[in-house]
C-alpha atoms as a PDB file:
ATOM      1  CA  MET A   1     121.725  75.959 115.259  1.00  0.00           C
ATOM      2  CA  ASP A   2     121.379  77.571 118.675  1.00  0.00           C
ATOM      3  CA  LYS A   3     121.728  75.442 121.787  1.00  0.00           C
ATOM      4  CA  ILE A   4     118.311  74.860 123.299  1.00  0.00           C
ATOM      5  CA  PRO A   5     118.237  73.311 126.756  1.00  0.00           C
ATOM      6  CA  MET A   6     115.407  70.797 127.060  1.00  0.00           C
ATOM      7  CA  THR A   7     113.921  69.825 130.394  1.00  0.00           C
ATOM      8  CA  PRO A   8     111.189  67.208 130.780  1.00  0.00           C
ATOM      9  CA  ALA A   9     108.712  69.984 131.631  1.00  0.00           C
ATOM     10  CA  GLY A  10     109.813  72.016 128.599  1.00  0.00           C
ATOM     11  CA  HIS A  11     109.447  68.977 126.350  1.00  0.00           C
ATOM     12  CA  ALA A  12     105.940  68.316 127.708  1.00  0.00           C
ATOM     13  CA  ALA A  13     104.942  71.948 127.141  1.00  0.00           C
ATOM     14  CA  LEU A  14     106.141  71.806 123.525  1.00  0.00           C
ATOM     15  CA  GLU A  15     104.253  68.533 122.968  1.00  0.00           C
ATOM     16  CA  VAL A  16     101.045  70.124 124.326  1.00  0.00           C
ATOM     17  CA  GLU A  17     101.463  73.196 122.100  1.00  0.00           C
ATOM     18  CA  LEU A  18     102.111  71.005 119.044  1.00  0.00           C
ATOM     19  CA  LYS A  19      99.063  68.851 119.763  1.00  0.00           C
ATOM     20  CA  THR A  20      96.879  71.955 120.194  1.00  0.00           C
ATOM     21  CA  LEU A  21      98.099  73.478 116.935  1.00  0.00           C
ATOM     22  CA  LYS A  22      97.494  70.265 114.992  1.00  0.00           C
ATOM     23  CA  SER A  23      94.178  69.210 116.530  1.00  0.00           C
ATOM     24  CA  GLN A  24      92.473  72.563 117.165  1.00  0.00           C
ATOM     25  CA  GLU A  25      94.134  75.562 115.526  1.00  0.00           C
ATOM     26  CA  ARG A  26      94.835  73.971 112.116  1.00  0.00           C
ATOM     27  CA  PRO A  27      91.252  72.682 111.599  1.00  0.00           C
ATOM     28  CA  ASN A  28      89.798  76.002 112.810  1.00  0.00           C
ATOM     29  CA  ILE A  29      91.861  78.050 110.370  1.00  0.00           C
ATOM     30  CA  ILE A  30      91.017  75.707 107.487  1.00  0.00           C
ATOM     31  CA  LYS A  31      87.336  76.239 108.301  1.00  0.00           C
ATOM     32  CA  ALA A  32      87.849  80.026 108.484  1.00  0.00           C
ATOM     33  CA  ILE A  33      89.552  80.047 105.078  1.00  0.00           C
ATOM     34  CA  ALA A  34      86.697  78.040 103.558  1.00  0.00           C
ATOM     35  CA  GLU A  35      84.113  80.456 105.012  1.00  0.00           C
ATOM     36  CA  ALA A  36      86.058  83.486 103.766  1.00  0.00           C
ATOM     37  CA  ARG A  37      86.212  81.987 100.257  1.00  0.00           C
ATOM     38  CA  GLU A  38      82.419  81.809 100.207  1.00  0.00           C
ATOM     39  CA  HIS A  39      82.263  85.602 100.541  1.00  0.00           C
ATOM     40  CA  GLY A  40      83.360  86.094  96.958  1.00  0.00           C
ATOM     41  CA  ASP A  41      86.221  88.148  95.479  1.00  0.00           C
ATOM     42  CA  LEU A  42      89.410  86.963  97.219  1.00  0.00           C
ATOM     43  CA  SER A  43      91.526  89.910  96.070  1.00  0.00           C
ATOM     44  CA  GLU A  44      89.553  92.302  98.286  1.00  0.00           C
ATOM     45  CA  ASN A  45      88.589  89.861 101.042  1.00  0.00           C
ATOM     46  CA  ALA A  46      90.340  90.919 104.271  1.00  0.00           C
ATOM     47  CA  GLU A  47      89.007  87.911 106.185  1.00  0.00           C
ATOM     48  CA  TYR A  48      90.558  85.546 103.644  1.00  0.00           C
ATOM     49  CA  HIS A  49      93.948  87.262 103.703  1.00  0.00           C
ATOM     50  CA  SER A  50      93.957  87.360 107.502  1.00  0.00           C
ATOM     51  CA  ALA A  51      93.083  83.666 107.716  1.00  0.00           C
ATOM     52  CA  ARG A  52      95.805  82.753 105.195  1.00  0.00           C
ATOM     53  CA  GLU A  53      98.356  84.766 107.183  1.00  0.00           C
ATOM     54  CA  LYS A  54      97.356  82.994 110.383  1.00  0.00           C
ATOM     55  CA  GLN A  55      97.560  79.633 108.586  1.00  0.00           C
ATOM     56  CA  SER A  56     101.101  80.451 107.484  1.00  0.00           C
ATOM     57  CA  PHE A  57     102.082  81.283 111.070  1.00  0.00           C
ATOM     58  CA  ILE A  58     100.513  78.075 112.418  1.00  0.00           C
ATOM     59  CA  GLU A  59     102.211  75.863 109.818  1.00  0.00           C
ATOM     60  CA  GLY A  60     105.567  77.544 110.491  1.00  0.00           C
ATOM     61  CA  ARG A  61     105.219  77.038 114.233  1.00  0.00           C
ATOM     62  CA  ILE A  62     104.280  73.368 113.726  1.00  0.00           C
ATOM     63  CA  LYS A  63     107.441  72.804 111.669  1.00  0.00           C
ATOM     64  CA  GLU A  64     109.538  74.626 114.272  1.00  0.00           C
ATOM     65  CA  LEU A  65     108.134  72.569 117.148  1.00  0.00           C
ATOM     66  CA  GLU A  66     108.534  69.297 115.256  1.00  0.00           C
ATOM     67  CA  GLY A  67     112.187  70.171 114.626  1.00  0.00           C
ATOM     68  CA  ILE A  68     112.868  71.017 118.263  1.00  0.00           C
ATOM     69  CA  ILE A  69     111.101  67.934 119.583  1.00  0.00           C
ATOM     70  CA  SER A  70     112.860  65.613 117.097  1.00  0.00           C
ATOM     71  CA  LEU A  71     116.341  67.079 118.269  1.00  0.00           C
ATOM     72  CA  ALA A  72     115.254  66.290 121.874  1.00  0.00           C
ATOM     73  CA  ARG A  73     114.212  62.723 120.898  1.00  0.00           C
ATOM     74  CA  ALA A  74     117.507  62.114 119.121  1.00  0.00           C
ATOM     75  CA  LEU A  75     119.426  62.810 122.328  1.00  0.00           C
ATOM     76  CA  ILE A  76     117.433  60.520 124.621  1.00  0.00           C
ATOM     77  CA  GLY A  77     119.546  57.657 125.929  1.00  0.00           C
ATOM     78  CA  LYS A  78     122.856  59.114 124.743  1.00  0.00           C
ATOM     79  CA  ASP A  79     125.946  59.515 126.939  1.00  0.00           C
ATOM     80  CA  VAL A  80     128.907  61.888 127.080  1.00  0.00           C
ATOM     81  CA  GLY A  81     131.187  61.203 124.130  1.00  0.00           C
ATOM     82  CA  ASP A  82     128.413  59.865 121.888  1.00  0.00           C
ATOM     83  CA  SER A  83     127.931  61.359 118.431  1.00  0.00           C
ATOM     84  CA  VAL A  84     124.396  61.983 117.222  1.00  0.00           C
ATOM     85  CA  GLU A  85     123.122  62.641 113.699  1.00  0.00           C
ATOM     86  CA  VAL A  86     119.945  64.723 113.724  1.00  0.00           C
ATOM     87  CA  ARG A  87     117.631  65.588 110.842  1.00  0.00           C
ATOM     88  CA  THR A  88     116.718  69.252 111.278  1.00  0.00           C
ATOM     89  CA  PRO A  89     114.654  71.568 109.088  1.00  0.00           C
ATOM     90  CA  GLY A  90     117.993  72.900 107.787  1.00  0.00           C
ATOM     91  CA  GLY A  91     119.300  69.431 106.886  1.00  0.00           C
ATOM     92  CA  GLU A  92     121.358  66.744 108.620  1.00  0.00           C
ATOM     93  CA  LYS A  93     123.472  67.903 111.581  1.00  0.00           C
ATOM     94  CA  ALA A  94     126.043  65.968 113.598  1.00  0.00           C
ATOM     95  CA  TYR A  95     126.565  66.655 117.299  1.00  0.00           C
ATOM     96  CA  GLU A  96     128.911  65.273 119.936  1.00  0.00           C
ATOM     97  CA  ILE A  97     127.660  65.166 123.517  1.00  0.00           C
ATOM     98  CA  LEU A  98     130.191  66.983 125.674  1.00  0.00           C
ATOM     99  CA  ASP A  99     128.303  67.208 128.956  1.00  0.00           C
ATOM    100  CA  ILE A 100     125.009  66.171 130.514  1.00  0.00           C
ATOM    101  CA  VAL A 101     123.370  68.336 133.155  1.00  0.00           C
ATOM    102  CA  TYR A 102     120.239  67.218 134.966  1.00  0.00           C
ATOM    103  CA  ALA A 103     117.934  70.042 135.984  1.00  0.00           C
END
């Protein structure tokens, strides 16, 4: 897993993006898929395929953001020398805190 520095402002921005995706984008795309289904034959329905593709992107981004934010939460309150076990989308990972830098 790549090292991702997390500042309070960066964490807040990710939280806002996640909230927007879950509360606005996800319901909108579900509605768009339902409307496209009403148009008939799905095999030749470009609106349906486009909406499904966008839904796939949104769901992937939600999972990515949840993973990043959970790594950030796992490190809160830890000190240099502490070991942390983090559940990531790729499975359990163990980290040792080597240094803390305040930005």
